[in-house]
Amino acid sequence: MPTFFFLLPWQVLGTDAGGTKEVVEQNVTGLLHPVGHLGTQILSENIRFLLKNPSSREQMGKRGRKRWRECT
């Protein structure tokens, strides 16, 4: 996952595989879900959570941008 995604004004959703889980901190800078069939259910739960919790979306986005600035 390119780290420039943290420059966008929203949180990151991604899989907990590969380098993504090293970049996205679960429930801090975004939400992760597993790969495969089980992952689709968790992804849909993560999307519903973010739709119902605008303050969480905003905070994750802010923390992601802050983390990106600290790492570059």
PDB file of N, CA and C in Angstrom:
ATOM      1  N   MET A   1       0.845  -1.169   0.000  1.00  0.00           N
ATOM      2  CA  MET A   1       0.000   0.000   0.000  1.00  0.00           C
ATOM      3  C   MET A   1       0.892   1.234   0.000  1.00  0.00           C
ATOM      4  N   PRO A   2       0.710   2.113  -0.950  1.00  0.00           N
ATOM      5  CA  PRO A   2       1.495   3.350  -0.945  1.00  0.00           C
ATOM      6  C   PRO A   2       1.154   4.194   0.280  1.00  0.00           C
ATOM      7  N   THR A   3       2.188   4.689   0.939  1.00  0.00           N
ATOM      8  CA  THR A   3       1.947   5.470   2.153  1.00  0.00           C
ATOM      9  C   THR A   3       1.296   6.811   1.870  1.00  0.00           C
ATOM     10  N   PHE A   4       1.291   7.248   0.617  1.00  0.00           N
ATOM     11  CA  PHE A   4       0.663   8.545   0.331  1.00  0.00           C
ATOM     12  C   PHE A   4      -0.841   8.502   0.555  1.00  0.00           C
ATOM     13  N   PHE A   5      -1.435   7.319   0.735  1.00  0.00           N
ATOM     14  CA  PHE A   5      -2.862   7.251   1.046  1.00  0.00           C
ATOM     15  C   PHE A   5      -3.177   7.994   2.333  1.00  0.00           C
ATOM     16  N   PHE A   6      -2.196   8.103   3.234  1.00  0.00           N
ATOM     17  CA  PHE A   6      -2.432   8.818   4.476  1.00  0.00           C
ATOM     18  C   PHE A   6      -2.568  10.313   4.264  1.00  0.00           C
ATOM     19  N   LEU A   7      -2.243  10.803   3.092  1.00  0.00           N
ATOM     20  CA  LEU A   7      -2.434  12.228   2.805  1.00  0.00           C
ATOM     21  C   LEU A   7      -3.885  12.548   2.493  1.00  0.00           C
ATOM     22  N   LEU A   8      -4.661  11.542   2.181  1.00  0.00           N
ATOM     23  CA  LEU A   8      -6.063  11.747   1.853  1.00  0.00           C
ATOM     24  C   LEU A   8      -6.844  12.083   3.122  1.00  0.00           C
ATOM     25  N   PRO A   9      -7.963  12.779   2.988  1.00  0.00           N
ATOM     26  CA  PRO A   9      -8.697  13.250   4.174  1.00  0.00           C
ATOM     27  C   PRO A   9      -9.616  12.192   4.792  1.00  0.00           C
ATOM     28  N   TRP A  10      -9.242  10.941   4.749  1.00  0.00           N
ATOM     29  CA  TRP A  10     -10.045   9.899   5.370  1.00  0.00           C
ATOM     30  C   TRP A  10      -9.153   8.760   5.821  1.00  0.00           C
ATOM     31  N   GLN A  11      -9.720   7.867   6.595  1.00  0.00           N
ATOM     32  CA  GLN A  11      -9.009   6.722   7.119  1.00  0.00           C
ATOM     33  C   GLN A  11      -8.754   5.702   6.018  1.00  0.00           C
ATOM     34  N   VAL A  12      -7.940   4.703   6.323  1.00  0.00           N
ATOM     35  CA  VAL A  12      -7.586   3.678   5.355  1.00  0.00           C
ATOM     36  C   VAL A  12      -8.257   2.363   5.738  1.00  0.00           C
ATOM     37  N   LEU A  13      -8.806   1.680   4.747  1.00  0.00           N
ATOM     38  CA  LEU A  13      -9.283   0.313   4.892  1.00  0.00           C
ATOM     39  C   LEU A  13      -8.337  -0.568   4.091  1.00  0.00           C
ATOM     40  N   GLY A  14      -7.916  -1.680   4.667  1.00  0.00           N
ATOM     41  CA  GLY A  14      -6.994  -2.540   3.936  1.00  0.00           C
ATOM     42  C   GLY A  14      -6.974  -3.949   4.498  1.00  0.00           C
ATOM     43  N   THR A  15      -6.295  -4.844   3.775  1.00  0.00           N
ATOM     44  CA  THR A  15      -6.170  -6.226   4.242  1.00  0.00           C
ATOM     45  C   THR A  15      -5.049  -6.324   5.261  1.00  0.00           C
ATOM     46  N   ASP A  16      -5.132  -7.332   6.103  1.00  0.00           N
ATOM     47  CA  ASP A  16      -4.089  -7.533   7.104  1.00  0.00           C
ATOM     48  C   ASP A  16      -2.984  -8.440   6.563  1.00  0.00           C
ATOM     49  N   ALA A  17      -2.729  -8.334   5.285  1.00  0.00           N
ATOM     50  CA  ALA A  17      -1.698  -9.139   4.632  1.00  0.00           C
ATOM     51  C   ALA A  17      -0.606  -8.229   4.071  1.00  0.00           C
ATOM     52  N   GLY A  18       0.560  -8.802   3.892  1.00  0.00           N
ATOM     53  CA  GLY A  18       1.651  -8.059   3.272  1.00  0.00           C
ATOM     54  C   GLY A  18       2.045  -6.831   4.069  1.00  0.00           C
ATOM     55  N   GLY A  19       2.484  -5.816   3.346  1.00  0.00           N
ATOM     56  CA  GLY A  19       2.971  -4.608   3.988  1.00  0.00           C
ATOM     57  C   GLY A  19       1.893  -3.710   4.546  1.00  0.00           C
ATOM     58  N   THR A  20       0.646  -3.931   4.149  1.00  0.00           N
ATOM     59  CA  THR A  20      -0.434  -3.062   4.629  1.00  0.00           C
ATOM     60  C   THR A  20      -0.530  -3.087   6.145  1.00  0.00           C
ATOM     61  N   LYS A  21      -0.438  -4.266   6.735  1.00  0.00           N
ATOM     62  CA  LYS A  21      -0.575  -4.349   8.197  1.00  0.00           C
ATOM     63  C   LYS A  21       0.619  -3.738   8.917  1.00  0.00           C
ATOM     64  N   GLU A  22       1.710  -3.497   8.197  1.00  0.00           N
ATOM     65  CA  GLU A  22       2.851  -2.821   8.791  1.00  0.00           C
ATOM     66  C   GLU A  22       2.697  -1.303   8.737  1.00  0.00           C
ATOM     67  N   VAL A  23       1.835  -0.828   7.849  1.00  0.00           N
ATOM     68  CA  VAL A  23       1.634   0.606   7.662  1.00  0.00           C
ATOM     69  C   VAL A  23       0.394   1.099   8.394  1.00  0.00           C
ATOM     70  N   VAL A  24      -0.695   0.341   8.305  1.00  0.00           N
ATOM     71  CA  VAL A  24      -1.962   0.739   8.923  1.00  0.00           C
ATOM     72  C   VAL A  24      -2.027   0.160  10.332  1.00  0.00           C
ATOM     73  N   GLU A  25      -2.191   1.020  11.309  1.00  0.00           N
ATOM     74  CA  GLU A  25      -2.335   0.568  12.685  1.00  0.00           C
ATOM     75  C   GLU A  25      -3.823   0.403  12.974  1.00  0.00           C
ATOM     76  N   GLN A  26      -4.222  -0.820  13.263  1.00  0.00           N
ATOM     77  CA  GLN A  26      -5.635  -1.164  13.465  1.00  0.00           C
ATOM     78  C   GLN A  26      -6.289  -0.261  14.504  1.00  0.00           C
ATOM     79  N   ASN A  27      -7.424   0.321  14.126  1.00  0.00           N
ATOM     80  CA  ASN A  27      -8.230   1.204  14.976  1.00  0.00           C
ATOM     81  C   ASN A  27      -7.524   2.504  15.350  1.00  0.00           C
ATOM     82  N   VAL A  28      -6.396   2.788  14.746  1.00  0.00           N
ATOM     83  CA  VAL A  28      -5.675   4.031  15.010  1.00  0.00           C
ATOM     84  C   VAL A  28      -5.612   4.861  13.736  1.00  0.00           C
ATOM     85  N   THR A  29      -5.052   4.289  12.669  1.00  0.00           N
ATOM     86  CA  THR A  29      -4.960   5.002  11.393  1.00  0.00           C
ATOM     87  C   THR A  29      -5.884   4.398  10.337  1.00  0.00           C
ATOM     88  N   GLY A  30      -6.546   3.314  10.666  1.00  0.00           N
ATOM     89  CA  GLY A  30      -7.459   2.678   9.727  1.00  0.00           C
ATOM     90  C   GLY A  30      -7.961   1.358  10.271  1.00  0.00           C
ATOM     91  N   LEU A  31      -8.635   0.611   9.412  1.00  0.00           N
ATOM     92  CA  LEU A  31      -9.195  -0.676   9.794  1.00  0.00           C
ATOM     93  C   LEU A  31      -8.713  -1.744   8.819  1.00  0.00           C
ATOM     94  N   LEU A  32      -8.360  -2.896   9.362  1.00  0.00           N
ATOM     95  CA  LEU A  32      -7.861  -4.004   8.563  1.00  0.00           C
ATOM     96  C   LEU A  32      -8.865  -5.151   8.569  1.00  0.00           C
ATOM     97  N   HIS A  33      -8.824  -5.948   7.513  1.00  0.00           N
ATOM     98  CA  HIS A  33      -9.652  -7.149   7.428  1.00  0.00           C
ATOM     99  C   HIS A  33      -8.827  -8.260   6.786  1.00  0.00           C
ATOM    100  N   PRO A  34      -9.141  -9.530   7.103  1.00  0.00           N
ATOM    101  CA  PRO A  34      -8.388 -10.631   6.512  1.00  0.00           C
ATOM    102  C   PRO A  34      -8.697 -10.794   5.027  1.00  0.00           C
ATOM    103  N   VAL A  35      -7.809 -11.495   4.373  1.00  0.00           N
ATOM    104  CA  VAL A  35      -8.004 -11.829   2.957  1.00  0.00           C
ATOM    105  C   VAL A  35      -8.976 -13.008   2.877  1.00  0.00           C
ATOM    106  N   GLY A  36      -9.739 -13.071   1.820  1.00  0.00           N
ATOM    107  CA  GLY A  36     -10.605 -14.219   1.590  1.00  0.00           C
ATOM    108  C   GLY A  36     -12.044 -13.978   1.992  1.00  0.00           C
ATOM    109  N   HIS A  37     -12.804 -15.067   2.011  1.00  0.00           N
ATOM    110  CA  HIS A  37     -14.245 -14.987   2.265  1.00  0.00           C
ATOM    111  C   HIS A  37     -14.557 -14.361   3.622  1.00  0.00           C
ATOM    112  N   LEU A  38     -13.858 -14.780   4.667  1.00  0.00           N
ATOM    113  CA  LEU A  38     -14.080 -14.194   5.988  1.00  0.00           C
ATOM    114  C   LEU A  38     -13.807 -12.688   5.965  1.00  0.00           C
ATOM    115  N   GLY A  39     -12.820 -12.298   5.197  1.00  0.00           N
ATOM    116  CA  GLY A  39     -12.465 -10.887   5.108  1.00  0.00           C
ATOM    117  C   GLY A  39     -13.570 -10.019   4.549  1.00  0.00           C
ATOM    118  N   THR A  40     -14.372 -10.560   3.643  1.00  0.00           N
ATOM    119  CA  THR A  40     -15.453  -9.751   3.067  1.00  0.00           C
ATOM    120  C   THR A  40     -16.482  -9.381   4.128  1.00  0.00           C
ATOM    121  N   GLN A  41     -16.760 -10.291   5.038  1.00  0.00           N
ATOM    122  CA  GLN A  41     -17.712 -10.005   6.121  1.00  0.00           C
ATOM    123  C   GLN A  41     -17.151  -8.922   7.048  1.00  0.00           C
ATOM    124  N   ILE A  42     -15.888  -9.047   7.401  1.00  0.00           N
ATOM    125  CA  ILE A  42     -15.275  -8.068   8.297  1.00  0.00           C
ATOM    126  C   ILE A  42     -15.141  -6.719   7.596  1.00  0.00           C
ATOM    127  N   LEU A  43     -14.812  -6.731   6.312  1.00  0.00           N
ATOM    128  CA  LEU A  43     -14.751  -5.473   5.558  1.00  0.00           C
ATOM    129  C   LEU A  43     -16.100  -4.770   5.594  1.00  0.00           C
ATOM    130  N   SER A  44     -17.181  -5.519   5.385  1.00  0.00           N
ATOM    131  CA  SER A  44     -18.507  -4.877   5.410  1.00  0.00           C
ATOM    132  C   SER A  44     -18.828  -4.331   6.804  1.00  0.00           C
ATOM    133  N   GLU A  45     -18.410  -5.038   7.851  1.00  0.00           N
ATOM    134  CA  GLU A  45     -18.600  -4.526   9.212  1.00  0.00           C
ATOM    135  C   GLU A  45     -17.787  -3.249   9.437  1.00  0.00           C
ATOM    136  N   ASN A  46     -16.553  -3.230   8.923  1.00  0.00           N
ATOM    137  CA  ASN A  46     -15.711  -2.037   9.054  1.00  0.00           C
ATOM    138  C   ASN A  46     -16.327  -0.844   8.332  1.00  0.00           C
ATOM    139  N   ILE A  47     -16.870  -1.080   7.157  1.00  0.00           N
ATOM    140  CA  ILE A  47     -17.506   0.007   6.397  1.00  0.00           C
ATOM    141  C   ILE A  47     -18.721   0.535   7.157  1.00  0.00           C
ATOM    142  N   ARG A  48     -19.549  -0.371   7.672  1.00  0.00           N
ATOM    143  CA  ARG A  48     -20.724   0.065   8.451  1.00  0.00           C
ATOM    144  C   ARG A  48     -20.299   0.875   9.675  1.00  0.00           C
ATOM    145  N   PHE A  49     -19.250   0.406  10.357  1.00  0.00           N
ATOM    146  CA  PHE A  49     -18.758   1.125  11.525  1.00  0.00           C
ATOM    147  C   PHE A  49     -18.362   2.549  11.146  1.00  0.00           C
ATOM    148  N   LEU A  50     -17.608   2.685  10.063  1.00  0.00           N
ATOM    149  CA  LEU A  50     -17.132   4.009   9.658  1.00  0.00           C
ATOM    150  C   LEU A  50     -18.278   4.918   9.217  1.00  0.00           C
ATOM    151  N   LEU A  51     -19.281   4.343   8.573  1.00  0.00           N
ATOM    152  CA  LEU A  51     -20.434   5.141   8.155  1.00  0.00           C
ATOM    153  C   LEU A  51     -21.219   5.665   9.360  1.00  0.00           C
ATOM    154  N   LYS A  52     -21.263   4.878  10.425  1.00  0.00           N
ATOM    155  CA  LYS A  52     -22.025   5.264  11.615  1.00  0.00           C
ATOM    156  C   LYS A  52     -21.214   6.109  12.591  1.00  0.00           C
ATOM    157  N   ASN A  53     -19.904   6.217  12.392  1.00  0.00           N
ATOM    158  CA  ASN A  53     -19.038   6.900  13.348  1.00  0.00           C
ATOM    159  C   ASN A  53     -18.146   7.930  12.662  1.00  0.00           C
ATOM    160  N   PRO A  54     -18.724   9.062  12.271  1.00  0.00           N
ATOM    161  CA  PRO A  54     -17.937  10.070  11.561  1.00  0.00           C
ATOM    162  C   PRO A  54     -16.751  10.596  12.374  1.00  0.00           C
ATOM    163  N   SER A  55     -16.884  10.656  13.681  1.00  0.00           N
ATOM    164  CA  SER A  55     -15.759  11.150  14.479  1.00  0.00           C
ATOM    165  C   SER A  55     -14.590  10.167  14.436  1.00  0.00           C
ATOM    166  N   SER A  56     -14.870   8.878  14.423  1.00  0.00           N
ATOM    167  CA  SER A  56     -13.800   7.880  14.289  1.00  0.00           C
ATOM    168  C   SER A  56     -13.120   7.999  12.935  1.00  0.00           C
ATOM    169  N   ARG A  57     -13.911   8.200  11.882  1.00  0.00           N
ATOM    170  CA  ARG A  57     -13.334   8.392  10.541  1.00  0.00           C
ATOM    171  C   ARG A  57     -12.374   9.562  10.549  1.00  0.00           C
ATOM    172  N   GLU A  58     -12.823  10.667  11.113  1.00  0.00           N
ATOM    173  CA  GLU A  58     -12.010  11.882  11.122  1.00  0.00           C
ATOM    174  C   GLU A  58     -10.725  11.684  11.931  1.00  0.00           C
ATOM    175  N   GLN A  59     -10.856  11.072  13.106  1.00  0.00           N
ATOM    176  CA  GLN A  59      -9.676  10.869  13.952  1.00  0.00           C
ATOM    177  C   GLN A  59      -8.665   9.932  13.296  1.00  0.00           C
ATOM    178  N   MET A  60      -9.133   8.853  12.685  1.00  0.00           N
ATOM    179  CA  MET A  60      -8.218   7.930  12.005  1.00  0.00           C
ATOM    180  C   MET A  60      -7.502   8.638  10.861  1.00  0.00           C
ATOM    181  N   GLY A  61      -8.229   9.456  10.129  1.00  0.00           N
ATOM    182  CA  GLY A  61      -7.610  10.207   9.036  1.00  0.00           C
ATOM    183  C   GLY A  61      -6.548  11.161   9.543  1.00  0.00           C
ATOM    184  N   LYS A  62      -6.843  11.867  10.615  1.00  0.00           N
ATOM    185  CA  LYS A  62      -5.870  12.803  11.191  1.00  0.00           C
ATOM    186  C   LYS A  62      -4.627  12.075  11.689  1.00  0.00           C
ATOM    187  N   ARG A  63      -4.836  10.953  12.377  1.00  0.00           N
ATOM    188  CA  ARG A  63      -3.687  10.203  12.895  1.00  0.00           C
ATOM    189  C   ARG A  63      -2.864   9.596  11.765  1.00  0.00           C
ATOM    190  N   GLY A  64      -3.524   9.170  10.695  1.00  0.00           N
ATOM    191  CA  GLY A  64      -2.799   8.634   9.547  1.00  0.00           C
ATOM    192  C   GLY A  64      -1.934   9.687   8.882  1.00  0.00           C
ATOM    193  N   ARG A  65      -2.470  10.891   8.698  1.00  0.00           N
ATOM    194  CA  ARG A  65      -1.680  11.979   8.109  1.00  0.00           C
ATOM    195  C   ARG A  65      -0.518  12.354   9.016  1.00  0.00           C
ATOM    196  N   LYS A  66      -0.767  12.378  10.320  1.00  0.00           N
ATOM    197  CA  LYS A  66       0.303  12.695  11.268  1.00  0.00           C
ATOM    198  C   LYS A  66       1.408  11.634  11.196  1.00  0.00           C
ATOM    199  N   ARG A  67       1.012  10.376  11.165  1.00  0.00           N
ATOM    200  CA  ARG A  67       2.014   9.301  11.078  1.00  0.00           C
ATOM    201  C   ARG A  67       2.823   9.410   9.790  1.00  0.00           C
ATOM    202  N   TRP A  68       2.162   9.704   8.684  1.00  0.00           N
ATOM    203  CA  TRP A  68       2.872   9.844   7.406  1.00  0.00           C
ATOM    204  C   TRP A  68       3.890  10.967   7.481  1.00  0.00           C
ATOM    205  N   ARG A  69       3.501  12.096   8.052  1.00  0.00           N
ATOM    206  CA  ARG A  69       4.434  13.227   8.149  1.00  0.00           C
ATOM    207  C   ARG A  69       5.634  12.873   9.032  1.00  0.00           C
ATOM    208  N   GLU A  70       5.412  12.109  10.082  1.00  0.00           N
ATOM    209  CA  GLU A  70       6.507  11.715  10.968  1.00  0.00           C
ATOM    210  C   GLU A  70       7.471  10.741  10.298  1.00  0.00           C
ATOM    211  N   CYS A  71       6.989   9.985   9.346  1.00  0.00           N
ATOM    212  CA  CYS A  71       7.824   8.952   8.688  1.00  0.00           C
ATOM    213  C   CYS A  71       8.520   9.455   7.440  1.00  0.00           C
ATOM    214  N   THR A  72       8.157  10.636   6.964  1.00  0.00           N
ATOM    215  CA  THR A  72       8.792  11.128   5.721  1.00  0.00           C
ATOM    216  C   THR A  72       9.776  12.219   6.010  1.00  0.00           C
TER     217      THR A  72
END
